[in-house]
Amino acid sequence: MLKSVTLDTFDLKILAALQEDGRLTNQELADRVGLSASQCSRRRLGLEERGVIRGYPAQLAPARLGLGVTVFTQVTLARHSPDNARRFADLVGRLDFVLEAHALTGDADYLLKMIVPDLPALSEVVNQHLLPHDSVANVRSAVVLQTLKEGTALPLGWLRE
């Protein structure tokens, strides 16, 4: 498990501003958080080097790109062993339609968040990629009807000094 880093009020302000707009210049960032541009630059670099900031990805609109179906899929492994878990993790790593994959407690072993163009594509994913894999015993999918909230911003309020 990774150790958390210590952040001060300015670090938290920088992170909050960058979560809103990762393209801010150092001067724009400085104006928002009340530091000089050079201080913001040093702090941003430090946050990047410590792995707090992992990157600045573009947020794309899936439906505008023809990816209209979001699916949450529970996967149960055929056997519980480190080798089987590794083989399943390797499979998931190769599938670009899997946006997130989480190991779970409870009835299912993994929860996958996937995005596909349509229901025939989902059928292909389940029947040609997941079920045939020898590490997989069971697959249960739930199609998202409506997204009420979606985001990538972390709740920094929990980290206040």
C-alpha atoms as a PDB file:
ATOM      1  CA  MET A   1       0.000   0.000   0.000  1.00  0.00           C
ATOM      2  CA  LEU A   2       1.305   3.436  -0.906  1.00  0.00           C
ATOM      3  CA  LYS A   3       1.970   5.866   1.889  1.00  0.00           C
ATOM      4  CA  SER A   4      -0.025   9.089   1.691  1.00  0.00           C
ATOM      5  CA  VAL A   5       1.857  12.363   1.403  1.00  0.00           C
ATOM      6  CA  THR A   6       1.518  15.392   3.637  1.00  0.00           C
ATOM      7  CA  LEU A   7      -0.112  18.368   1.962  1.00  0.00           C
ATOM      8  CA  ASP A   8      -0.512  21.925   3.183  1.00  0.00           C
ATOM      9  CA  THR A   9      -3.321  24.374   2.433  1.00  0.00           C
ATOM     10  CA  PHE A  10      -1.620  25.709  -0.715  1.00  0.00           C
ATOM     11  CA  ASP A  11      -1.058  22.186  -2.074  1.00  0.00           C
ATOM     12  CA  LEU A  12      -4.754  21.458  -1.562  1.00  0.00           C
ATOM     13  CA  LYS A  13      -5.728  24.721  -3.296  1.00  0.00           C
ATOM     14  CA  ILE A  14      -3.452  23.846  -6.220  1.00  0.00           C
ATOM     15  CA  LEU A  15      -4.946  20.360  -6.486  1.00  0.00           C
ATOM     16  CA  ALA A  16      -8.503  21.695  -6.340  1.00  0.00           C
ATOM     17  CA  ALA A  17      -7.780  24.255  -9.065  1.00  0.00           C
ATOM     18  CA  LEU A  18      -6.087  21.673 -11.299  1.00  0.00           C
ATOM     19  CA  GLN A  19      -8.987  19.239 -10.854  1.00  0.00           C
ATOM     20  CA  GLU A  20     -11.268  21.953 -12.211  1.00  0.00           C
ATOM     21  CA  ASP A  21      -8.930  22.807 -15.100  1.00  0.00           C
ATOM     22  CA  GLY A  22      -5.724  20.865 -15.660  1.00  0.00           C
ATOM     23  CA  ARG A  23      -4.662  23.275 -18.408  1.00  0.00           C
ATOM     24  CA  LEU A  24      -4.121  26.258 -16.105  1.00  0.00           C
ATOM     25  CA  THR A  25      -0.838  28.053 -16.647  1.00  0.00           C
ATOM     26  CA  ASN A  26       1.355  28.636 -13.614  1.00  0.00           C
ATOM     27  CA  GLN A  27       0.312  32.302 -13.626  1.00  0.00           C
ATOM     28  CA  GLU A  28      -3.399  31.433 -13.743  1.00  0.00           C
ATOM     29  CA  LEU A  29      -2.850  28.913 -10.977  1.00  0.00           C
ATOM     30  CA  ALA A  30      -0.952  31.499  -8.921  1.00  0.00           C
ATOM     31  CA  ASP A  31      -3.818  33.972  -9.283  1.00  0.00           C
ATOM     32  CA  ARG A  32      -6.276  31.370  -7.998  1.00  0.00           C
ATOM     33  CA  VAL A  33      -4.298  30.137  -4.989  1.00  0.00           C
ATOM     34  CA  GLY A  34      -2.474  33.286  -3.856  1.00  0.00           C
ATOM     35  CA  LEU A  35       1.145  32.339  -4.580  1.00  0.00           C
ATOM     36  CA  SER A  36       3.680  33.480  -7.137  1.00  0.00           C
ATOM     37  CA  ALA A  37       3.871  31.675 -10.477  1.00  0.00           C
ATOM     38  CA  SER A  38       7.325  30.295  -9.631  1.00  0.00           C
ATOM     39  CA  GLN A  39       6.072  28.923  -6.291  1.00  0.00           C
ATOM     40  CA  CYS A  40       3.131  27.282  -8.055  1.00  0.00           C
ATOM     41  CA  SER A  41       5.448  25.803 -10.646  1.00  0.00           C
ATOM     42  CA  ARG A  42       7.718  24.296  -7.961  1.00  0.00           C
ATOM     43  CA  ARG A  43       4.783  22.960  -5.976  1.00  0.00           C
ATOM     44  CA  ARG A  44       3.083  21.480  -9.081  1.00  0.00           C
ATOM     45  CA  LEU A  45       6.332  19.774 -10.074  1.00  0.00           C
ATOM     46  CA  GLY A  46       6.738  18.442  -6.530  1.00  0.00           C
ATOM     47  CA  LEU A  47       3.184  17.058  -6.547  1.00  0.00           C
ATOM     48  CA  GLU A  48       3.883  15.394  -9.892  1.00  0.00           C
ATOM     49  CA  GLU A  49       7.207  13.918  -8.689  1.00  0.00           C
ATOM     50  CA  ARG A  50       5.581  12.512  -5.521  1.00  0.00           C
ATOM     51  CA  GLY A  51       2.900  10.859  -7.654  1.00  0.00           C
ATOM     52  CA  VAL A  52       0.016  12.928  -6.259  1.00  0.00           C
ATOM     53  CA  ILE A  53      -0.700  14.291  -9.747  1.00  0.00           C
ATOM     54  CA  ARG A  54      -0.701  11.350 -12.162  1.00  0.00           C
ATOM     55  CA  GLY A  55      -1.473  13.256 -15.353  1.00  0.00           C
ATOM     56  CA  TYR A  56      -3.703  15.712 -17.173  1.00  0.00           C
ATOM     57  CA  PRO A  57      -5.991  13.669 -19.425  1.00  0.00           C
ATOM     58  CA  ALA A  58      -8.601  15.108 -21.741  1.00  0.00           C
ATOM     59  CA  GLN A  59     -12.167  14.256 -20.734  1.00  0.00           C
ATOM     60  CA  LEU A  60     -13.937  12.970 -23.828  1.00  0.00           C
ATOM     61  CA  ALA A  61     -17.703  12.754 -24.410  1.00  0.00           C
ATOM     62  CA  PRO A  62     -18.374   9.027 -24.999  1.00  0.00           C
ATOM     63  CA  ALA A  63     -21.795   9.430 -26.646  1.00  0.00           C
ATOM     64  CA  ARG A  64     -20.412  11.984 -29.130  1.00  0.00           C
ATOM     65  CA  LEU A  65     -17.879   9.323 -30.153  1.00  0.00           C
ATOM     66  CA  GLY A  66     -20.460   6.565 -30.602  1.00  0.00           C
ATOM     67  CA  LEU A  67     -19.763   4.886 -27.262  1.00  0.00           C
ATOM     68  CA  GLY A  68     -23.275   4.999 -25.868  1.00  0.00           C
ATOM     69  CA  VAL A  69     -23.473   2.043 -23.477  1.00  0.00           C
ATOM     70  CA  THR A  70     -21.802   2.009 -20.063  1.00  0.00           C
ATOM     71  CA  VAL A  71     -21.838  -1.339 -18.281  1.00  0.00           C
ATOM     72  CA  PHE A  72     -20.868  -2.560 -14.825  1.00  0.00           C
ATOM     73  CA  THR A  73     -19.867  -6.209 -14.936  1.00  0.00           C
ATOM     74  CA  GLN A  74     -19.263  -8.494 -11.981  1.00  0.00           C
ATOM     75  CA  VAL A  75     -16.805 -11.306 -12.634  1.00  0.00           C
ATOM     76  CA  THR A  76     -16.314 -14.397 -10.506  1.00  0.00           C
ATOM     77  CA  LEU A  77     -13.119 -16.362 -11.034  1.00  0.00           C
ATOM     78  CA  ALA A  78     -13.115 -20.084 -11.807  1.00  0.00           C
ATOM     79  CA  ARG A  79     -10.379 -20.742  -9.221  1.00  0.00           C
ATOM     80  CA  HIS A  80      -8.959 -18.571  -6.481  1.00  0.00           C
ATOM     81  CA  SER A  81      -5.217 -18.602  -6.861  1.00  0.00           C
ATOM     82  CA  PRO A  82      -2.534 -15.986  -7.419  1.00  0.00           C
ATOM     83  CA  ASP A  83      -1.855 -17.359 -10.918  1.00  0.00           C
ATOM     84  CA  ASN A  84      -5.522 -17.224 -11.922  1.00  0.00           C
ATOM     85  CA  ALA A  85      -5.883 -13.677 -10.552  1.00  0.00           C
ATOM     86  CA  ARG A  86      -2.759 -12.631 -12.499  1.00  0.00           C
ATOM     87  CA  ARG A  87      -4.099 -14.154 -15.731  1.00  0.00           C
ATOM     88  CA  PHE A  88      -7.403 -12.323 -15.269  1.00  0.00           C
ATOM     89  CA  ALA A  89      -5.560  -9.058 -14.555  1.00  0.00           C
ATOM     90  CA  ASP A  90      -3.520  -9.598 -17.747  1.00  0.00           C
ATOM     91  CA  LEU A  91      -6.742 -10.112 -19.732  1.00  0.00           C
ATOM     92  CA  VAL A  92      -8.339  -6.961 -18.329  1.00  0.00           C
ATOM     93  CA  GLY A  93      -5.182  -4.965 -19.047  1.00  0.00           C
ATOM     94  CA  ARG A  94      -5.460  -5.839 -22.753  1.00  0.00           C
ATOM     95  CA  LEU A  95      -9.118  -4.804 -23.109  1.00  0.00           C
ATOM     96  CA  ASP A  96      -9.379  -1.109 -23.963  1.00  0.00           C
ATOM     97  CA  PHE A  97     -13.149  -1.054 -23.428  1.00  0.00           C
ATOM     98  CA  VAL A  98     -12.557  -1.761 -19.716  1.00  0.00           C
ATOM     99  CA  LEU A  99     -12.307   1.681 -18.111  1.00  0.00           C
ATOM    100  CA  GLU A 100     -11.916   0.480 -14.530  1.00  0.00           C
ATOM    101  CA  ALA A 101     -11.346  -2.868 -12.841  1.00  0.00           C
ATOM    102  CA  HIS A 102     -11.633  -3.407  -9.106  1.00  0.00           C
ATOM    103  CA  ALA A 103     -11.001  -6.468  -6.915  1.00  0.00           C
ATOM    104  CA  LEU A 104     -13.897  -6.834  -4.459  1.00  0.00           C
ATOM    105  CA  THR A 105     -15.039  -8.430  -1.272  1.00  0.00           C
ATOM    106  CA  GLY A 106     -18.418 -10.149  -1.403  1.00  0.00           C
ATOM    107  CA  ASP A 107     -20.047 -12.417  -3.956  1.00  0.00           C
ATOM    108  CA  ALA A 108     -18.109 -11.278  -7.039  1.00  0.00           C
ATOM    109  CA  ASP A 109     -14.326 -11.188  -7.299  1.00  0.00           C
ATOM    110  CA  TYR A 110     -14.072  -8.186  -9.648  1.00  0.00           C
ATOM    111  CA  LEU A 111     -16.155  -5.265 -10.838  1.00  0.00           C
ATOM    112  CA  LEU A 112     -15.458  -3.895 -14.304  1.00  0.00           C
ATOM    113  CA  LYS A 113     -16.680  -0.582 -15.666  1.00  0.00           C
ATOM    114  CA  MET A 114     -16.839  -0.887 -19.424  1.00  0.00           C
ATOM    115  CA  ILE A 115     -17.993   1.282 -22.301  1.00  0.00           C
ATOM    116  CA  VAL A 116     -19.152  -0.062 -25.659  1.00  0.00           C
ATOM    117  CA  PRO A 117     -21.016   1.315 -28.677  1.00  0.00           C
ATOM    118  CA  ASP A 118     -24.187  -0.773 -28.290  1.00  0.00           C
ATOM    119  CA  LEU A 119     -25.702  -4.001 -26.935  1.00  0.00           C
ATOM    120  CA  PRO A 120     -24.342  -6.240 -29.723  1.00  0.00           C
ATOM    121  CA  ALA A 121     -20.871  -4.988 -28.805  1.00  0.00           C
ATOM    122  CA  LEU A 122     -21.561  -5.864 -25.152  1.00  0.00           C
ATOM    123  CA  SER A 123     -22.589  -9.348 -26.233  1.00  0.00           C
ATOM    124  CA  GLU A 124     -19.302  -9.667 -28.121  1.00  0.00           C
ATOM    125  CA  VAL A 125     -17.316  -8.531 -25.076  1.00  0.00           C
ATOM    126  CA  VAL A 126     -19.010 -11.022 -22.772  1.00  0.00           C
ATOM    127  CA  ASN A 127     -19.116 -13.978 -25.181  1.00  0.00           C
ATOM    128  CA  GLN A 128     -15.794 -13.570 -26.980  1.00  0.00           C
ATOM    129  CA  HIS A 129     -13.524 -12.011 -24.359  1.00  0.00           C
ATOM    130  CA  LEU A 130     -14.717 -12.673 -20.812  1.00  0.00           C
ATOM    131  CA  LEU A 131     -16.587 -15.985 -20.687  1.00  0.00           C
ATOM    132  CA  PRO A 132     -14.151 -17.963 -22.872  1.00  0.00           C
ATOM    133  CA  HIS A 133     -11.176 -16.991 -20.675  1.00  0.00           C
ATOM    134  CA  ASP A 134     -10.174 -19.949 -18.509  1.00  0.00           C
ATOM    135  CA  SER A 135      -9.836 -17.777 -15.402  1.00  0.00           C
ATOM    136  CA  VAL A 136     -13.516 -16.733 -15.511  1.00  0.00           C
ATOM    137  CA  ALA A 137     -16.422 -18.745 -14.059  1.00  0.00           C
ATOM    138  CA  ASN A 138     -19.295 -16.264 -14.083  1.00  0.00           C
ATOM    139  CA  VAL A 139     -20.135 -12.864 -15.584  1.00  0.00           C
ATOM    140  CA  ARG A 140     -23.099 -10.655 -14.601  1.00  0.00           C
ATOM    141  CA  SER A 141     -23.631  -7.317 -16.299  1.00  0.00           C
ATOM    142  CA  ALA A 142     -25.810  -4.306 -15.524  1.00  0.00           C
ATOM    143  CA  VAL A 143     -26.344  -1.689 -18.229  1.00  0.00           C
ATOM    144  CA  VAL A 144     -26.425   1.946 -17.106  1.00  0.00           C
ATOM    145  CA  LEU A 145     -29.750   3.565 -18.009  1.00  0.00           C
ATOM    146  CA  GLN A 146     -28.888   7.063 -16.811  1.00  0.00           C
ATOM    147  CA  THR A 147     -25.832   8.619 -15.204  1.00  0.00           C
ATOM    148  CA  LEU A 148     -26.801  10.879 -12.320  1.00  0.00           C
ATOM    149  CA  LYS A 149     -23.274  11.944 -11.378  1.00  0.00           C
ATOM    150  CA  GLU A 150     -19.916  11.359 -12.943  1.00  0.00           C
ATOM    151  CA  GLY A 151     -16.551  12.877 -12.294  1.00  0.00           C
ATOM    152  CA  THR A 152     -12.895  12.430 -11.638  1.00  0.00           C
ATOM    153  CA  ALA A 153     -12.357  15.078  -8.954  1.00  0.00           C
ATOM    154  CA  LEU A 154     -11.326  13.636  -5.609  1.00  0.00           C
ATOM    155  CA  PRO A 155     -13.045  14.889  -2.418  1.00  0.00           C
ATOM    156  CA  LEU A 156     -10.202  17.047  -1.098  1.00  0.00           C
ATOM    157  CA  GLY A 157     -12.373  18.348   1.762  1.00  0.00           C
ATOM    158  CA  TRP A 158     -11.439  15.228   3.731  1.00  0.00           C
ATOM    159  CA  LEU A 159      -7.812  16.359   3.661  1.00  0.00           C
ATOM    160  CA  ARG A 160      -8.169  19.823   5.212  1.00  0.00           C
ATOM    161  CA  GLU A 161      -5.715  20.674   7.949  1.00  0.00           C
END
